Amino acid sequence: MAPPRAADVLGRVTLVTGKEEFLNERTVVAVREAVRRHDPEAELSETQAGDLTLATLGELSAPSLFSSTRCVVVRGLENLPEESVAGLLQYAASPVEDVALVLVHGGGARGSGVLTRLRKVDSVTEVKSSEVRPSEFAGFVAAEVRALGATIDEPAADALVHAVGHDLRSLAAAAHQLTSDFPGETLTTERIKRYFGGRAEAKSFAVADAAFWGRRDAALEELRWALDSGTPPVLVTSAFASGARGVARYLGAPRGMREADLVREVGVPPWKLRAVRDQSRGWSEAGIAHAVQAVARADADIKGAASDAAYTLERLVLTVTDLRDPR
């Protein structure tokens, strides 16, 4: 999909829906970039739908002393209070000309009523992120590489998926890293294997898997190999996030579900579900909640605050392995 123009988003409402968080965030970023290209001084702001009222929406969309152009992002539309629905629909029917309003709904049935009503408004454009099936990951990789000005053949795309895993953020980061190192070139299977070569286990998902199994020494060893072989730290935190989500979703799934339903609930391919099931036996709901928080802190540090990524990741390994019940 081509990046939006300012004319596509200003004076309009962009409704972002679907369960693929990475693709949803990409749409939000694209709208912001379109607004900033139009007006580099544009004001950017965001809020949670649970806190939204007609008054707060008016404040967010009002012109500032520096610029009348604004991009307002409202996240968690499924949590919009019932008393705020009418005000939001009223705004959507007549949006402010110099404001790009982005409404993000995380998928699911909650808040579906307001979605139905918003979809009927002429000034609302919906961008829906469909869940990517395991068979579609190689196609996603190929599209990412093409968008970055390079090419990749199908076997190489499969090899990259096998090397990095089934996490869109990690796959996109890997594609960006490869095309940065080999600009405009064709990424072959041999190049993928060489880039992710060395010790086969020394990859981000191997680090995360060892940690969530509680194997501290193995996880630290895999981490050292991964960093020494050039694995970007952000791929490691992405792998930890994927592992934490899998365990958390499995623990939160209703008991007695059929395996096919459980695959959809947990969001992993069938072959991965068995590993998640076995892994989750050493985790409590409180433990995995703390692990999710630890991963989020490490990811934030890696992307901005941390001066030593290796130390941050080592601390993450130690925290996660300590949280797992060794039973």
C-alpha atoms as a PDB file:
ATOM      1  CA  MET A   1       0.000   0.000   0.000  1.00  0.00           C
ATOM      2  CA  ALA A   2       1.341   3.414  -0.979  1.00  0.00           C
ATOM      3  CA  PRO A   3       2.126   5.832   1.872  1.00  0.00           C
ATOM      4  CA  PRO A   4      -0.755   8.242   2.529  1.00  0.00           C
ATOM      5  CA  ARG A   5      -0.596  11.868   1.413  1.00  0.00           C
ATOM      6  CA  ALA A   6      -1.487  14.768   3.668  1.00  0.00           C
ATOM      7  CA  ALA A   7      -4.696  15.218   1.655  1.00  0.00           C
ATOM      8  CA  ASP A   8      -5.645  11.634   2.539  1.00  0.00           C
ATOM      9  CA  VAL A   9      -5.483  12.199   6.288  1.00  0.00           C
ATOM     10  CA  LEU A  10      -5.937  15.897   7.115  1.00  0.00           C
ATOM     11  CA  GLY A  11      -9.550  16.838   7.706  1.00  0.00           C
ATOM     12  CA  ARG A  12     -10.354  13.133   7.891  1.00  0.00           C
ATOM     13  CA  VAL A  13     -10.432  10.254  10.364  1.00  0.00           C
ATOM     14  CA  THR A  14      -8.183   7.223   9.867  1.00  0.00           C
ATOM     15  CA  LEU A  15      -9.649   4.153  11.554  1.00  0.00           C
ATOM     16  CA  VAL A  16      -6.977   1.515  12.242  1.00  0.00           C
ATOM     17  CA  THR A  17      -8.351  -1.930  13.088  1.00  0.00           C
ATOM     18  CA  GLY A  18      -7.057  -5.471  13.484  1.00  0.00           C
ATOM     19  CA  LYS A  19      -4.977  -7.640  15.799  1.00  0.00           C
ATOM     20  CA  GLU A  20      -1.596  -7.209  14.082  1.00  0.00           C
ATOM     21  CA  GLU A  21      -0.079  -4.630  16.428  1.00  0.00           C
ATOM     22  CA  PHE A  22       3.016  -4.108  14.273  1.00  0.00           C
ATOM     23  CA  LEU A  23       0.984  -3.337  11.138  1.00  0.00           C
ATOM     24  CA  ASN A  24      -1.356  -1.084  13.115  1.00  0.00           C
ATOM     25  CA  GLU A  25       1.582   0.915  14.427  1.00  0.00           C
ATOM     26  CA  ARG A  26       3.038   1.162  10.949  1.00  0.00           C
ATOM     27  CA  THR A  27      -0.177   2.832   9.770  1.00  0.00           C
ATOM     28  CA  VAL A  28      -0.046   5.295  12.684  1.00  0.00           C
ATOM     29  CA  VAL A  29       3.554   6.184  11.839  1.00  0.00           C
ATOM     30  CA  ALA A  30       2.690   6.621   8.137  1.00  0.00           C
ATOM     31  CA  VAL A  31      -0.090   9.098   8.979  1.00  0.00           C
ATOM     32  CA  ARG A  32       2.211  11.055  11.258  1.00  0.00           C
ATOM     33  CA  GLU A  33       4.899  11.186   8.588  1.00  0.00           C
ATOM     34  CA  ALA A  34       2.397  12.413   5.986  1.00  0.00           C
ATOM     35  CA  VAL A  35       1.344  15.228   8.309  1.00  0.00           C
ATOM     36  CA  ARG A  36       4.933  16.160   9.114  1.00  0.00           C
ATOM     37  CA  ARG A  37       5.893  16.222   5.417  1.00  0.00           C
ATOM     38  CA  HIS A  38       3.033  18.650   4.837  1.00  0.00           C
ATOM     39  CA  ASP A  39       3.935  20.810   7.857  1.00  0.00           C
ATOM     40  CA  PRO A  40       7.233  20.155   9.671  1.00  0.00           C
ATOM     41  CA  GLU A  41       5.935  22.198  12.614  1.00  0.00           C
ATOM     42  CA  ALA A  42       2.763  20.129  12.984  1.00  0.00           C
ATOM     43  CA  GLU A  43       1.805  19.184  16.525  1.00  0.00           C
ATOM     44  CA  LEU A  44       1.646  15.468  17.375  1.00  0.00           C
ATOM     45  CA  SER A  45      -0.360  14.190  20.331  1.00  0.00           C
ATOM     46  CA  GLU A  46      -2.066  11.033  21.517  1.00  0.00           C
ATOM     47  CA  THR A  47      -4.383   9.805  24.226  1.00  0.00           C
ATOM     48  CA  GLN A  48      -6.209   6.682  25.348  1.00  0.00           C
ATOM     49  CA  ALA A  49      -9.831   6.251  24.287  1.00  0.00           C
ATOM     50  CA  GLY A  50     -10.744   5.450  27.880  1.00  0.00           C
ATOM     51  CA  ASP A  51      -9.880   9.056  28.776  1.00  0.00           C
ATOM     52  CA  LEU A  52     -11.594  10.621  25.764  1.00  0.00           C
ATOM     53  CA  THR A  53     -14.437  13.116  26.048  1.00  0.00           C
ATOM     54  CA  LEU A  54     -15.698  15.681  23.563  1.00  0.00           C
ATOM     55  CA  ALA A  55     -13.902  18.325  25.614  1.00  0.00           C
ATOM     56  CA  THR A  56     -10.539  16.521  25.574  1.00  0.00           C
ATOM     57  CA  LEU A  57     -10.891  15.801  21.849  1.00  0.00           C
ATOM     58  CA  GLY A  58     -11.512  19.516  21.301  1.00  0.00           C
ATOM     59  CA  GLU A  59      -8.376  20.366  23.264  1.00  0.00           C
ATOM     60  CA  LEU A  60      -6.286  17.849  21.331  1.00  0.00           C
ATOM     61  CA  SER A  61      -7.476  19.111  17.949  1.00  0.00           C
ATOM     62  CA  ALA A  62      -7.301  22.827  18.749  1.00  0.00           C
ATOM     63  CA  PRO A  63      -4.526  24.831  17.004  1.00  0.00           C
ATOM     64  CA  SER A  64      -1.477  25.725  19.085  1.00  0.00           C
ATOM     65  CA  LEU A  65       0.573  28.909  19.094  1.00  0.00           C
ATOM     66  CA  PHE A  66       3.051  27.282  16.727  1.00  0.00           C
ATOM     67  CA  SER A  67       0.936  25.427  14.175  1.00  0.00           C
ATOM     68  CA  SER A  68      -2.692  24.832  13.261  1.00  0.00           C
ATOM     69  CA  THR A  69      -1.818  21.436  11.762  1.00  0.00           C
ATOM     70  CA  ARG A  70      -2.152  18.502  14.152  1.00  0.00           C
ATOM     71  CA  CYS A  71      -2.102  14.733  14.215  1.00  0.00           C
ATOM     72  CA  VAL A  72      -4.085  13.222  17.072  1.00  0.00           C
ATOM     73  CA  VAL A  73      -3.824   9.492  17.809  1.00  0.00           C
ATOM     74  CA  VAL A  74      -6.457   7.855  20.023  1.00  0.00           C
ATOM     75  CA  ARG A  75      -5.460   4.336  21.087  1.00  0.00           C
ATOM     76  CA  GLY A  76      -7.595   1.570  22.571  1.00  0.00           C
ATOM     77  CA  LEU A  77     -10.821   2.555  20.825  1.00  0.00           C
ATOM     78  CA  GLU A  78     -12.401  -0.601  22.236  1.00  0.00           C
ATOM     79  CA  ASN A  79     -12.257   1.107  25.663  1.00  0.00           C
ATOM     80  CA  LEU A  80     -14.161   4.233  24.598  1.00  0.00           C
ATOM     81  CA  PRO A  81     -16.749   5.113  27.297  1.00  0.00           C
ATOM     82  CA  GLU A  82     -20.343   4.842  26.106  1.00  0.00           C
ATOM     83  CA  GLU A  83     -20.994   8.465  27.035  1.00  0.00           C
ATOM     84  CA  SER A  84     -18.208   9.582  24.666  1.00  0.00           C
ATOM     85  CA  VAL A  85     -19.458   7.712  21.571  1.00  0.00           C
ATOM     86  CA  ALA A  86     -21.897  10.409  20.442  1.00  0.00           C
ATOM     87  CA  GLY A  87     -19.240  13.127  20.755  1.00  0.00           C
ATOM     88  CA  LEU A  88     -16.705  11.155  18.733  1.00  0.00           C
ATOM     89  CA  LEU A  89     -19.252  10.440  15.990  1.00  0.00           C
ATOM     90  CA  GLN A  90     -20.171  14.103  15.959  1.00  0.00           C
ATOM     91  CA  TYR A  91     -16.531  15.061  15.422  1.00  0.00           C
ATOM     92  CA  ALA A  92     -16.016  12.356  12.767  1.00  0.00           C
ATOM     93  CA  ALA A  93     -18.981  13.686  10.776  1.00  0.00           C
ATOM     94  CA  SER A  94     -17.329  17.113  10.579  1.00  0.00           C
ATOM     95  CA  PRO A  95     -13.596  16.827  11.285  1.00  0.00           C
ATOM     96  CA  VAL A  96     -11.341  19.856  11.655  1.00  0.00           C
ATOM     97  CA  GLU A  97      -9.696  20.705   8.330  1.00  0.00           C
ATOM     98  CA  ASP A  98      -6.075  20.821   9.543  1.00  0.00           C
ATOM     99  CA  VAL A  99      -6.290  17.837  11.889  1.00  0.00           C
ATOM    100  CA  ALA A 100      -5.549  14.176  11.145  1.00  0.00           C
ATOM    101  CA  LEU A 101      -7.389  12.033  13.678  1.00  0.00           C
ATOM    102  CA  VAL A 102      -6.251   8.408  13.989  1.00  0.00           C
ATOM    103  CA  LEU A 103      -8.418   5.954  15.934  1.00  0.00           C
ATOM    104  CA  VAL A 104      -6.759   2.640  16.810  1.00  0.00           C
ATOM    105  CA  HIS A 105      -8.894  -0.411  17.665  1.00  0.00           C
ATOM    106  CA  GLY A 106      -7.006  -3.511  18.769  1.00  0.00           C
ATOM    107  CA  GLY A 107      -9.416  -6.058  17.318  1.00  0.00           C
ATOM    108  CA  GLY A 108     -11.960  -8.263  19.021  1.00  0.00           C
ATOM    109  CA  ALA A 109     -15.662  -7.825  19.636  1.00  0.00           C
ATOM    110  CA  ARG A 110     -15.427  -5.115  22.259  1.00  0.00           C
ATOM    111  CA  GLY A 111     -16.306  -1.711  20.829  1.00  0.00           C
ATOM    112  CA  SER A 112     -17.661  -3.228  17.601  1.00  0.00           C
ATOM    113  CA  GLY A 113     -20.743  -1.018  17.801  1.00  0.00           C
ATOM    114  CA  VAL A 114     -18.785   2.203  17.480  1.00  0.00           C
ATOM    115  CA  LEU A 115     -16.763   0.665  14.626  1.00  0.00           C
ATOM    116  CA  THR A 116     -19.956  -0.105  12.715  1.00  0.00           C
ATOM    117  CA  ARG A 117     -21.158   3.466  13.105  1.00  0.00           C
ATOM    118  CA  LEU A 118     -17.801   5.018  12.207  1.00  0.00           C
ATOM    119  CA  ARG A 119     -17.585   2.937   9.024  1.00  0.00           C
ATOM    120  CA  LYS A 120     -20.762   4.623   7.777  1.00  0.00           C
ATOM    121  CA  VAL A 121     -19.228   8.112   8.022  1.00  0.00           C
ATOM    122  CA  ASP A 122     -17.901   9.471   4.700  1.00  0.00           C
ATOM    123  CA  SER A 123     -14.882  11.174   6.278  1.00  0.00           C
ATOM    124  CA  VAL A 124     -13.639   7.934   7.877  1.00  0.00           C
ATOM    125  CA  THR A 125     -11.063   5.755   6.094  1.00  0.00           C
ATOM    126  CA  GLU A 126     -10.465   2.307   7.554  1.00  0.00           C
ATOM    127  CA  VAL A 127      -7.087   0.588   7.371  1.00  0.00           C
ATOM    128  CA  LYS A 128      -7.455  -3.001   8.531  1.00  0.00           C
ATOM    129  CA  SER A 129      -4.544  -5.255   9.453  1.00  0.00           C
ATOM    130  CA  SER A 130      -5.341  -8.894   8.849  1.00  0.00           C
ATOM    131  CA  GLU A 131      -3.518 -11.509  10.887  1.00  0.00           C
ATOM    132  CA  VAL A 132      -0.610 -12.982   8.941  1.00  0.00           C
ATOM    133  CA  ARG A 133      -0.829 -16.762   8.606  1.00  0.00           C
ATOM    134  CA  PRO A 134       2.326 -18.887   8.845  1.00  0.00           C
ATOM    135  CA  SER A 135       2.182 -19.540   5.086  1.00  0.00           C
ATOM    136  CA  GLU A 136       2.254 -15.775   4.442  1.00  0.00           C
ATOM    137  CA  PHE A 137       5.414 -14.841   6.348  1.00  0.00           C
ATOM    138  CA  ALA A 138       7.713 -15.390   3.364  1.00  0.00           C
ATOM    139  CA  GLY A 139       5.488 -13.131   1.257  1.00  0.00           C
ATOM    140  CA  PHE A 140       5.639 -10.488   3.979  1.00  0.00           C
ATOM    141  CA  VAL A 141       9.446 -10.660   3.932  1.00  0.00           C
ATOM    142  CA  ALA A 142       9.535 -10.339   0.142  1.00  0.00           C
ATOM    143  CA  ALA A 143       7.286  -7.266   0.267  1.00  0.00           C
ATOM    144  CA  GLU A 144       9.457  -5.667   2.960  1.00  0.00           C
ATOM    145  CA  VAL A 145      12.613  -6.232   0.931  1.00  0.00           C
ATOM    146  CA  ARG A 146      11.029  -4.855  -2.260  1.00  0.00           C
ATOM    147  CA  ALA A 147       9.854  -1.739  -0.410  1.00  0.00           C
ATOM    148  CA  LEU A 148      13.444  -1.170   0.675  1.00  0.00           C
ATOM    149  CA  GLY A 149      14.755  -1.317  -2.897  1.00  0.00           C
ATOM    150  CA  ALA A 150      16.175  -4.835  -2.983  1.00  0.00           C
ATOM    151  CA  THR A 151      14.927  -8.258  -4.052  1.00  0.00           C
ATOM    152  CA  ILE A 152      14.781 -11.682  -2.455  1.00  0.00           C
ATOM    153  CA  ASP A 153      13.929 -15.040  -3.979  1.00  0.00           C
ATOM    154  CA  GLU A 154      11.364 -17.353  -2.402  1.00  0.00           C
ATOM    155  CA  PRO A 155      13.817 -19.882  -0.907  1.00  0.00           C
ATOM    156  CA  ALA A 156      15.780 -17.013   0.654  1.00  0.00           C
ATOM    157  CA  ALA A 157      12.610 -15.515   2.125  1.00  0.00           C
ATOM    158  CA  ASP A 158      11.774 -18.916   3.633  1.00  0.00           C
ATOM    159  CA  ALA A 159      15.312 -19.158   5.007  1.00  0.00           C
ATOM    160  CA  LEU A 160      14.995 -15.738   6.639  1.00  0.00           C
ATOM    161  CA  VAL A 161      11.685 -16.702   8.258  1.00  0.00           C
ATOM    162  CA  HIS A 162      13.262 -19.907   9.531  1.00  0.00           C
ATOM    163  CA  ALA A 163      16.245 -17.984  10.914  1.00  0.00           C
ATOM    164  CA  VAL A 164      14.363 -15.126  12.582  1.00  0.00           C
ATOM    165  CA  GLY A 165      11.000 -16.656  13.496  1.00  0.00           C
ATOM    166  CA  HIS A 166       7.348 -15.715  13.158  1.00  0.00           C
ATOM    167  CA  ASP A 167       7.367 -12.198  14.568  1.00  0.00           C
ATOM    168  CA  LEU A 168       6.563  -9.397  12.113  1.00  0.00           C
ATOM    169  CA  ARG A 169       8.592  -6.773  13.932  1.00  0.00           C
ATOM    170  CA  SER A 170      11.659  -9.019  13.990  1.00  0.00           C
ATOM    171  CA  LEU A 171      11.235  -9.969  10.323  1.00  0.00           C
ATOM    172  CA  ALA A 172      10.882  -6.317   9.301  1.00  0.00           C
ATOM    173  CA  ALA A 173      13.966  -5.385  11.338  1.00  0.00           C
ATOM    174  CA  ALA A 174      15.959  -8.228   9.765  1.00  0.00           C
ATOM    175  CA  ALA A 175      14.878  -7.181   6.257  1.00  0.00           C
ATOM    176  CA  HIS A 176      15.900  -3.596   7.004  1.00  0.00           C
ATOM    177  CA  GLN A 177      19.275  -4.708   8.353  1.00  0.00           C
ATOM    178  CA  LEU A 178      19.989  -6.910   5.329  1.00  0.00           C
ATOM    179  CA  THR A 179      18.965  -4.317   2.742  1.00  0.00           C
ATOM    180  CA  SER A 180      21.073  -1.713   4.558  1.00  0.00           C
ATOM    181  CA  ASP A 181      24.109  -3.981   4.327  1.00  0.00           C
ATOM    182  CA  PHE A 182      23.370  -5.094   0.734  1.00  0.00           C
ATOM    183  CA  PRO A 183      21.561  -2.085  -0.812  1.00  0.00           C
ATOM    184  CA  GLY A 184      19.793  -2.790  -4.094  1.00  0.00           C
ATOM    185  CA  GLU A 185      21.109  -6.333  -4.283  1.00  0.00           C
ATOM    186  CA  THR A 186      19.394  -9.704  -4.495  1.00  0.00           C
ATOM    187  CA  LEU A 187      19.244 -11.544  -1.195  1.00  0.00           C
ATOM    188  CA  THR A 188      19.909 -15.220  -1.859  1.00  0.00           C
ATOM    189  CA  THR A 189      19.643 -18.244   0.415  1.00  0.00           C
ATOM    190  CA  GLU A 190      23.423 -18.423   0.611  1.00  0.00           C
ATOM    191  CA  ARG A 191      23.599 -14.790   1.701  1.00  0.00           C
ATOM    192  CA  ILE A 192      20.916 -15.311   4.339  1.00  0.00           C
ATOM    193  CA  LYS A 193      22.677 -18.371   5.717  1.00  0.00           C
ATOM    194  CA  ARG A 194      26.011 -16.565   5.728  1.00  0.00           C
ATOM    195  CA  TYR A 195      24.544 -13.519   7.449  1.00  0.00           C
ATOM    196  CA  PHE A 196      22.844 -15.628  10.126  1.00  0.00           C
ATOM    197  CA  GLY A 197      25.603 -18.208  10.063  1.00  0.00           C
ATOM    198  CA  GLY A 198      28.121 -19.302  12.647  1.00  0.00           C
ATOM    199  CA  ARG A 199      26.548 -21.292  15.389  1.00  0.00           C
ATOM    200  CA  ALA A 200      22.999 -22.092  14.299  1.00  0.00           C
ATOM    201  CA  GLU A 201      21.486 -21.664  17.756  1.00  0.00           C
ATOM    202  CA  ALA A 202      22.977 -18.202  18.285  1.00  0.00           C
ATOM    203  CA  LYS A 203      19.927 -16.263  17.195  1.00  0.00           C
ATOM    204  CA  SER A 204      17.453 -14.102  19.022  1.00  0.00           C
ATOM    205  CA  PHE A 205      14.752 -16.755  19.398  1.00  0.00           C
ATOM    206  CA  ALA A 206      17.246 -19.254  20.765  1.00  0.00           C
ATOM    207  CA  VAL A 207      18.142 -16.776  23.512  1.00  0.00           C
ATOM    208  CA  ALA A 208      14.485 -16.148  24.378  1.00  0.00           C
ATOM    209  CA  ASP A 209      13.535 -19.827  24.265  1.00  0.00           C
ATOM    210  CA  ALA A 210      16.341 -20.779  26.645  1.00  0.00           C
ATOM    211  CA  ALA A 211      15.363 -17.980  29.023  1.00  0.00           C
ATOM    212  CA  PHE A 212      11.671 -18.900  29.094  1.00  0.00           C
ATOM    213  CA  TRP A 213      12.665 -22.504  29.784  1.00  0.00           C
ATOM    214  CA  GLY A 214      14.612 -21.182  32.795  1.00  0.00           C
ATOM    215  CA  ARG A 215      17.987 -22.286  31.378  1.00  0.00           C
ATOM    216  CA  ARG A 216      20.051 -19.331  32.577  1.00  0.00           C
ATOM    217  CA  ASP A 217      23.545 -20.480  31.561  1.00  0.00           C
ATOM    218  CA  ALA A 218      22.386 -21.591  28.123  1.00  0.00           C
ATOM    219  CA  ALA A 219      20.502 -18.333  27.554  1.00  0.00           C
ATOM    220  CA  LEU A 220      23.527 -16.220  28.525  1.00  0.00           C
ATOM    221  CA  GLU A 221      25.760 -18.283  26.247  1.00  0.00           C
ATOM    222  CA  GLU A 222      23.309 -17.941  23.344  1.00  0.00           C
ATOM    223  CA  LEU A 223      23.114 -14.200  23.991  1.00  0.00           C
ATOM    224  CA  ARG A 224      26.871 -13.782  23.801  1.00  0.00           C
ATOM    225  CA  TRP A 225      27.004 -15.765  20.556  1.00  0.00           C
ATOM    226  CA  ALA A 226      24.100 -13.784  19.108  1.00  0.00           C
ATOM    227  CA  LEU A 227      25.612 -10.378  19.893  1.00  0.00           C
ATOM    228  CA  ASP A 228      29.082 -11.438  18.750  1.00  0.00           C
ATOM    229  CA  SER A 229      27.628 -12.593  15.420  1.00  0.00           C
ATOM    230  CA  GLY A 230      25.990  -9.210  14.849  1.00  0.00           C
ATOM    231  CA  THR A 231      22.378  -9.904  15.848  1.00  0.00           C
ATOM    232  CA  PRO A 232      20.757  -6.486  16.455  1.00  0.00           C
ATOM    233  CA  PRO A 233      19.719  -6.128  20.137  1.00  0.00           C
ATOM    234  CA  VAL A 234      16.216  -5.077  19.073  1.00  0.00           C
ATOM    235  CA  LEU A 235      15.710  -8.521  17.531  1.00  0.00           C
ATOM    236  CA  VAL A 236      16.484 -10.102  20.901  1.00  0.00           C
ATOM    237  CA  THR A 237      13.909  -8.004  22.763  1.00  0.00           C
ATOM    238  CA  SER A 238      11.401  -8.691  19.973  1.00  0.00           C
ATOM    239  CA  ALA A 239      11.984 -12.420  20.412  1.00  0.00           C
ATOM    240  CA  PHE A 240      11.480 -12.091  24.172  1.00  0.00           C
ATOM    241  CA  ALA A 241       8.261 -10.150  23.568  1.00  0.00           C
ATOM    242  CA  SER A 242       7.015 -12.863  21.225  1.00  0.00           C
ATOM    243  CA  GLY A 243       7.872 -15.581  23.759  1.00  0.00           C
ATOM    244  CA  ALA A 244       6.167 -13.725  26.604  1.00  0.00           C
ATOM    245  CA  ARG A 245       3.028 -13.142  24.521  1.00  0.00           C
ATOM    246  CA  GLY A 246       2.836 -16.817  23.600  1.00  0.00           C
ATOM    247  CA  VAL A 247       3.069 -18.025  27.193  1.00  0.00           C
ATOM    248  CA  ALA A 248       0.695 -15.323  28.478  1.00  0.00           C
ATOM    249  CA  ARG A 249      -1.928 -16.085  25.845  1.00  0.00           C
ATOM    250  CA  TYR A 250      -1.664 -19.830  26.498  1.00  0.00           C
ATOM    251  CA  LEU A 251      -2.081 -19.343  30.248  1.00  0.00           C
ATOM    252  CA  GLY A 252      -5.039 -17.038  29.652  1.00  0.00           C
ATOM    253  CA  ALA A 253      -6.796 -19.307  27.162  1.00  0.00           C
ATOM    254  CA  PRO A 254      -9.965 -21.111  28.331  1.00  0.00           C
ATOM    255  CA  ARG A 255      -9.306 -24.693  29.330  1.00  0.00           C
ATOM    256  CA  GLY A 256     -10.639 -27.473  27.122  1.00  0.00           C
ATOM    257  CA  MET A 257     -10.208 -25.628  23.816  1.00  0.00           C
ATOM    258  CA  ARG A 258      -9.614 -27.659  20.679  1.00  0.00           C
ATOM    259  CA  GLU A 259      -6.054 -27.423  19.365  1.00  0.00           C
ATOM    260  CA  ALA A 260      -7.114 -25.544  16.204  1.00  0.00           C
ATOM    261  CA  ASP A 261      -8.918 -22.947  18.336  1.00  0.00           C
ATOM    262  CA  LEU A 262      -5.992 -22.772  20.728  1.00  0.00           C
ATOM    263  CA  VAL A 263      -3.608 -22.075  17.827  1.00  0.00           C
ATOM    264  CA  ARG A 264      -5.712 -19.050  16.894  1.00  0.00           C
ATOM    265  CA  GLU A 265      -6.071 -17.927  20.515  1.00  0.00           C
ATOM    266  CA  VAL A 266      -2.343 -18.095  21.253  1.00  0.00           C
ATOM    267  CA  GLY A 267      -1.364 -16.732  17.840  1.00  0.00           C
ATOM    268  CA  VAL A 268       1.321 -19.291  16.962  1.00  0.00           C
ATOM    269  CA  PRO A 269       1.593 -21.958  14.245  1.00  0.00           C
ATOM    270  CA  PRO A 270       0.653 -25.540  15.242  1.00  0.00           C
ATOM    271  CA  TRP A 271       4.244 -26.717  15.493  1.00  0.00           C
ATOM    272  CA  LYS A 272       5.033 -23.907  17.933  1.00  0.00           C
ATOM    273  CA  LEU A 273       1.972 -24.516  20.133  1.00  0.00           C
ATOM    274  CA  ARG A 274       3.402 -27.727  21.551  1.00  0.00           C
ATOM    275  CA  ALA A 275       6.572 -25.910  22.639  1.00  0.00           C
ATOM    276  CA  VAL A 276       4.559 -23.079  24.202  1.00  0.00           C
ATOM    277  CA  ARG A 277       2.378 -25.608  26.044  1.00  0.00           C
ATOM    278  CA  ASP A 278       5.402 -27.372  27.531  1.00  0.00           C
ATOM    279  CA  GLN A 279       7.149 -24.089  28.313  1.00  0.00           C
ATOM    280  CA  SER A 280       4.135 -22.615  30.083  1.00  0.00           C
ATOM    281  CA  ARG A 281       4.106 -25.383  32.703  1.00  0.00           C
ATOM    282  CA  GLY A 282       6.854 -23.537  34.554  1.00  0.00           C
ATOM    283  CA  TRP A 283       5.060 -20.190  34.538  1.00  0.00           C
ATOM    284  CA  SER A 284       2.375 -18.671  36.729  1.00  0.00           C
ATOM    285  CA  GLU A 285       0.160 -15.839  35.518  1.00  0.00           C
ATOM    286  CA  ALA A 286       1.832 -13.456  37.984  1.00  0.00           C
ATOM    287  CA  GLY A 287       5.286 -14.557  36.854  1.00  0.00           C
ATOM    288  CA  ILE A 288       4.592 -14.045  33.155  1.00  0.00           C
ATOM    289  CA  ALA A 289       3.018 -10.642  33.898  1.00  0.00           C
ATOM    290  CA  HIS A 290       6.280  -9.560  35.559  1.00  0.00           C
ATOM    291  CA  ALA A 291       8.226 -10.989  32.618  1.00  0.00           C
ATOM    292  CA  VAL A 292       6.157  -8.934  30.149  1.00  0.00           C
ATOM    293  CA  GLN A 293       6.980  -5.805  32.152  1.00  0.00           C
ATOM    294  CA  ALA A 294      10.685  -6.686  32.194  1.00  0.00           C
ATOM    295  CA  VAL A 295      10.718  -7.178  28.429  1.00  0.00           C
ATOM    296  CA  ALA A 296       8.968  -3.833  27.890  1.00  0.00           C
ATOM    297  CA  ARG A 297      11.547  -2.050  30.074  1.00  0.00           C
ATOM    298  CA  ALA A 298      14.455  -3.688  28.271  1.00  0.00           C
ATOM    299  CA  ASP A 299      12.976  -2.853  24.864  1.00  0.00           C
ATOM    300  CA  ALA A 300      12.572   0.799  25.870  1.00  0.00           C
ATOM    301  CA  ASP A 301      16.141   0.882  27.164  1.00  0.00           C
ATOM    302  CA  ILE A 302      17.498  -0.681  23.970  1.00  0.00           C
ATOM    303  CA  LYS A 303      15.662   1.884  21.841  1.00  0.00           C
ATOM    304  CA  GLY A 304      16.724   4.936  23.779  1.00  0.00           C
ATOM    305  CA  ALA A 305      17.871   4.971  27.351  1.00  0.00           C
ATOM    306  CA  ALA A 306      20.483   2.218  27.595  1.00  0.00           C
ATOM    307  CA  SER A 307      24.137   2.962  26.950  1.00  0.00           C
ATOM    308  CA  ASP A 308      25.118  -0.721  27.165  1.00  0.00           C
ATOM    309  CA  ALA A 309      22.757  -2.977  25.215  1.00  0.00           C
ATOM    310  CA  ALA A 310      24.628  -6.140  26.213  1.00  0.00           C
ATOM    311  CA  TYR A 311      24.201  -5.363  29.925  1.00  0.00           C
ATOM    312  CA  THR A 312      20.488  -4.612  29.397  1.00  0.00           C
ATOM    313  CA  LEU A 313      19.958  -7.940  27.646  1.00  0.00           C
ATOM    314  CA  GLU A 314      21.950  -9.891  30.227  1.00  0.00           C
ATOM    315  CA  ARG A 315      19.800  -8.333  32.963  1.00  0.00           C
ATOM    316  CA  LEU A 316      16.687  -9.346  30.998  1.00  0.00           C
ATOM    317  CA  VAL A 317      17.888 -12.964  30.773  1.00  0.00           C
ATOM    318  CA  LEU A 318      18.572 -13.066  34.519  1.00  0.00           C
ATOM    319  CA  THR A 319      15.198 -11.514  35.351  1.00  0.00           C
ATOM    320  CA  VAL A 320      13.187 -13.861  33.145  1.00  0.00           C
ATOM    321  CA  THR A 321      14.965 -17.009  34.286  1.00  0.00           C
ATOM    322  CA  ASP A 322      14.499 -15.975  37.945  1.00  0.00           C
ATOM    323  CA  LEU A 323      10.770 -15.482  37.388  1.00  0.00           C
ATOM    324  CA  ARG A 324      10.192 -18.982  36.039  1.00  0.00           C
ATOM    325  CA  ASP A 325       9.110 -21.572  38.582  1.00  0.00           C
ATOM    326  CA  PRO A 326      11.715 -24.385  38.429  1.00  0.00           C
ATOM    327  CA  ARG A 327       9.141 -27.083  39.208  1.00  0.00           C
END
